[in-house]
């Protein structure tokens, strides 16, 4: 993963700032899973899980693909995109000027 600007770094850090999302990454680091598996592993509803998955996808930390099972059921599998982020003052300084400082829509 090559972070291009400060806004992209913020999107990644925001995506990682939730315990459920960190757990999702931990699970997907072991193996790819489909939505129902992840929801059961985390003990949360699928609608709530989808909100967390969306944030991780927007940050390009995970990706999802649809597959058809042997029984003909369409299932969405998620897997982890490889990433390595070394945070240090110099890296932050390099990206700081590219921040747009836009207020997030609520």
C-alpha atoms as a PDB file:
ATOM      1  CA  UNK A   1       0.000   0.000   0.000  1.00  0.00           C
ATOM      2  CA  UNK A   2       1.400   3.327  -1.064  1.00  0.00           C
ATOM      3  CA  UNK A   3      -0.247   6.228   0.775  1.00  0.00           C
ATOM      4  CA  UNK A   4      -0.426   9.197  -1.595  1.00  0.00           C
ATOM      5  CA  UNK A   5      -1.663  12.031   0.630  1.00  0.00           C
ATOM      6  CA  UNK A   6      -2.718  13.109   4.089  1.00  0.00           C
ATOM      7  CA  UNK A   7      -6.410  12.526   3.446  1.00  0.00           C
ATOM      8  CA  UNK A   8      -5.728   8.918   2.512  1.00  0.00           C
ATOM      9  CA  UNK A   9      -3.695   8.455   5.698  1.00  0.00           C
ATOM     10  CA  UNK A  10      -6.565   9.873   7.754  1.00  0.00           C
ATOM     11  CA  UNK A  11      -9.066   7.550   6.026  1.00  0.00           C
ATOM     12  CA  UNK A  12      -6.884   4.561   6.952  1.00  0.00           C
ATOM     13  CA  UNK A  13      -6.343   5.693  10.532  1.00  0.00           C
ATOM     14  CA  UNK A  14     -10.068   6.361  10.967  1.00  0.00           C
ATOM     15  CA  UNK A  15     -10.870   2.910   9.586  1.00  0.00           C
ATOM     16  CA  UNK A  16      -8.467   1.376  12.106  1.00  0.00           C
ATOM     17  CA  UNK A  17      -9.832   3.382  15.042  1.00  0.00           C
ATOM     18  CA  UNK A  18     -12.573   0.910  15.945  1.00  0.00           C
ATOM     19  CA  UNK A  19     -12.153  -2.319  17.934  1.00  0.00           C
ATOM     20  CA  UNK A  20     -14.500  -4.297  15.653  1.00  0.00           C
ATOM     21  CA  UNK A  21     -12.516  -3.247  12.597  1.00  0.00           C
ATOM     22  CA  UNK A  22      -9.266  -4.294  14.239  1.00  0.00           C
ATOM     23  CA  UNK A  23     -10.856  -7.656  15.040  1.00  0.00           C
ATOM     24  CA  UNK A  24     -12.025  -7.997  11.428  1.00  0.00           C
ATOM     25  CA  UNK A  25      -8.475  -7.421  10.229  1.00  0.00           C
ATOM     26  CA  UNK A  26      -7.198  -9.975  12.722  1.00  0.00           C
ATOM     27  CA  UNK A  27      -9.702 -12.575  11.519  1.00  0.00           C
ATOM     28  CA  UNK A  28      -9.052 -11.897   7.832  1.00  0.00           C
ATOM     29  CA  UNK A  29      -5.314 -12.083   8.452  1.00  0.00           C
ATOM     30  CA  UNK A  30      -5.874 -15.756   9.289  1.00  0.00           C
ATOM     31  CA  UNK A  31      -8.210 -16.560   6.375  1.00  0.00           C
ATOM     32  CA  UNK A  32     -10.762 -14.972   4.101  1.00  0.00           C
ATOM     33  CA  UNK A  33     -14.335 -15.319   5.298  1.00  0.00           C
ATOM     34  CA  UNK A  34     -17.839 -14.646   4.128  1.00  0.00           C
ATOM     35  CA  UNK A  35     -20.138 -12.177   5.841  1.00  0.00           C
ATOM     36  CA  UNK A  36     -22.105 -14.649   7.962  1.00  0.00           C
ATOM     37  CA  UNK A  37     -18.882 -16.233   9.255  1.00  0.00           C
ATOM     38  CA  UNK A  38     -17.515 -12.841  10.235  1.00  0.00           C
ATOM     39  CA  UNK A  39     -20.768 -11.791  11.920  1.00  0.00           C
ATOM     40  CA  UNK A  40     -20.801 -14.984  13.993  1.00  0.00           C
ATOM     41  CA  UNK A  41     -17.120 -14.643  14.888  1.00  0.00           C
ATOM     42  CA  UNK A  42     -17.662 -11.081  16.082  1.00  0.00           C
ATOM     43  CA  UNK A  43     -21.088 -11.632  17.642  1.00  0.00           C
ATOM     44  CA  UNK A  44     -22.664  -8.707  15.763  1.00  0.00           C
ATOM     45  CA  UNK A  45     -25.471  -8.326  13.242  1.00  0.00           C
ATOM     46  CA  UNK A  46     -24.759  -8.418   9.532  1.00  0.00           C
ATOM     47  CA  UNK A  47     -26.025  -4.835   8.981  1.00  0.00           C
ATOM     48  CA  UNK A  48     -23.592  -3.545  11.622  1.00  0.00           C
ATOM     49  CA  UNK A  49     -20.822  -5.692  10.180  1.00  0.00           C
ATOM     50  CA  UNK A  50     -21.438  -4.253   6.707  1.00  0.00           C
ATOM     51  CA  UNK A  51     -20.908  -0.726   8.084  1.00  0.00           C
ATOM     52  CA  UNK A  52     -17.511  -1.752   9.437  1.00  0.00           C
ATOM     53  CA  UNK A  53     -16.592  -3.621   6.257  1.00  0.00           C
ATOM     54  CA  UNK A  54     -17.504  -0.580   4.168  1.00  0.00           C
ATOM     55  CA  UNK A  55     -15.116   1.635   6.155  1.00  0.00           C
ATOM     56  CA  UNK A  56     -12.302  -0.898   5.758  1.00  0.00           C
ATOM     57  CA  UNK A  57     -12.988  -1.218   2.013  1.00  0.00           C
ATOM     58  CA  UNK A  58     -13.032   2.561   1.562  1.00  0.00           C
ATOM     59  CA  UNK A  59      -9.566   2.649   3.148  1.00  0.00           C
ATOM     60  CA  UNK A  60      -8.464  -0.147   0.776  1.00  0.00           C
ATOM     61  CA  UNK A  61      -7.540  -2.395   3.701  1.00  0.00           C
ATOM     62  CA  UNK A  62      -9.850  -5.226   2.628  1.00  0.00           C
ATOM     63  CA  UNK A  63     -11.642  -6.324  -0.523  1.00  0.00           C
ATOM     64  CA  UNK A  64     -14.818  -8.278  -1.071  1.00  0.00           C
ATOM     65  CA  UNK A  65     -15.838 -10.576  -3.908  1.00  0.00           C
ATOM     66  CA  UNK A  66     -19.008 -12.508  -4.601  1.00  0.00           C
ATOM     67  CA  UNK A  67     -18.847 -16.261  -5.128  1.00  0.00           C
ATOM     68  CA  UNK A  68     -21.498 -18.890  -5.766  1.00  0.00           C
ATOM     69  CA  UNK A  69     -21.443 -21.817  -3.345  1.00  0.00           C
ATOM     70  CA  UNK A  70     -21.904 -25.468  -4.319  1.00  0.00           C
ATOM     71  CA  UNK A  71     -25.559 -25.097  -3.306  1.00  0.00           C
ATOM     72  CA  UNK A  72     -26.038 -22.153  -5.678  1.00  0.00           C
ATOM     73  CA  UNK A  73     -26.098 -19.471  -2.980  1.00  0.00           C
ATOM     74  CA  UNK A  74     -24.251 -16.207  -3.674  1.00  0.00           C
ATOM     75  CA  UNK A  75     -21.920 -15.315  -0.826  1.00  0.00           C
ATOM     76  CA  UNK A  76     -19.666 -12.311  -0.353  1.00  0.00           C
ATOM     77  CA  UNK A  77     -16.171 -13.205   0.795  1.00  0.00           C
ATOM     78  CA  UNK A  78     -13.749 -10.688   2.255  1.00  0.00           C
ATOM     79  CA  UNK A  79      -9.992 -10.857   2.396  1.00  0.00           C
ATOM     80  CA  UNK A  80      -7.255  -8.643   3.699  1.00  0.00           C
ATOM     81  CA  UNK A  81      -5.208  -6.512   1.336  1.00  0.00           C
ATOM     82  CA  UNK A  82      -1.555  -6.618   2.341  1.00  0.00           C
ATOM     83  CA  UNK A  83      -0.420  -3.402   3.981  1.00  0.00           C
ATOM     84  CA  UNK A  84       2.406  -1.965   6.002  1.00  0.00           C
ATOM     85  CA  UNK A  85       2.295   1.531   7.447  1.00  0.00           C
ATOM     86  CA  UNK A  86       5.265   2.946   9.294  1.00  0.00           C
ATOM     87  CA  UNK A  87       4.120   6.002  11.210  1.00  0.00           C
ATOM     88  CA  UNK A  88       6.795   8.435  12.217  1.00  0.00           C
ATOM     89  CA  UNK A  89       7.076  12.229  12.430  1.00  0.00           C
ATOM     90  CA  UNK A  90       8.824  12.550   9.067  1.00  0.00           C
ATOM     91  CA  UNK A  91       6.123  10.560   7.219  1.00  0.00           C
ATOM     92  CA  UNK A  92       3.374  12.648   8.832  1.00  0.00           C
ATOM     93  CA  UNK A  93       5.232  15.866   7.993  1.00  0.00           C
ATOM     94  CA  UNK A  94       5.554  14.797   4.348  1.00  0.00           C
ATOM     95  CA  UNK A  95       1.791  14.222   4.097  1.00  0.00           C
ATOM     96  CA  UNK A  96       0.608  17.119   6.273  1.00  0.00           C
ATOM     97  CA  UNK A  97       0.638  19.693   3.461  1.00  0.00           C
ATOM     98  CA  UNK A  98      -1.668  17.528   1.348  1.00  0.00           C
ATOM     99  CA  UNK A  99      -4.478  17.488   3.934  1.00  0.00           C
ATOM    100  CA  UNK A 100      -7.578  19.201   2.626  1.00  0.00           C
ATOM    101  CA  UNK A 101      -8.933  19.836   6.133  1.00  0.00           C
ATOM    102  CA  UNK A 102     -12.500  19.438   4.876  1.00  0.00           C
ATOM    103  CA  UNK A 103     -15.112  18.941   7.537  1.00  0.00           C
ATOM    104  CA  UNK A 104     -16.617  15.456   7.312  1.00  0.00           C
ATOM    105  CA  UNK A 105     -20.317  15.301   6.444  1.00  0.00           C
ATOM    106  CA  UNK A 106     -22.315  13.887   9.331  1.00  0.00           C
END
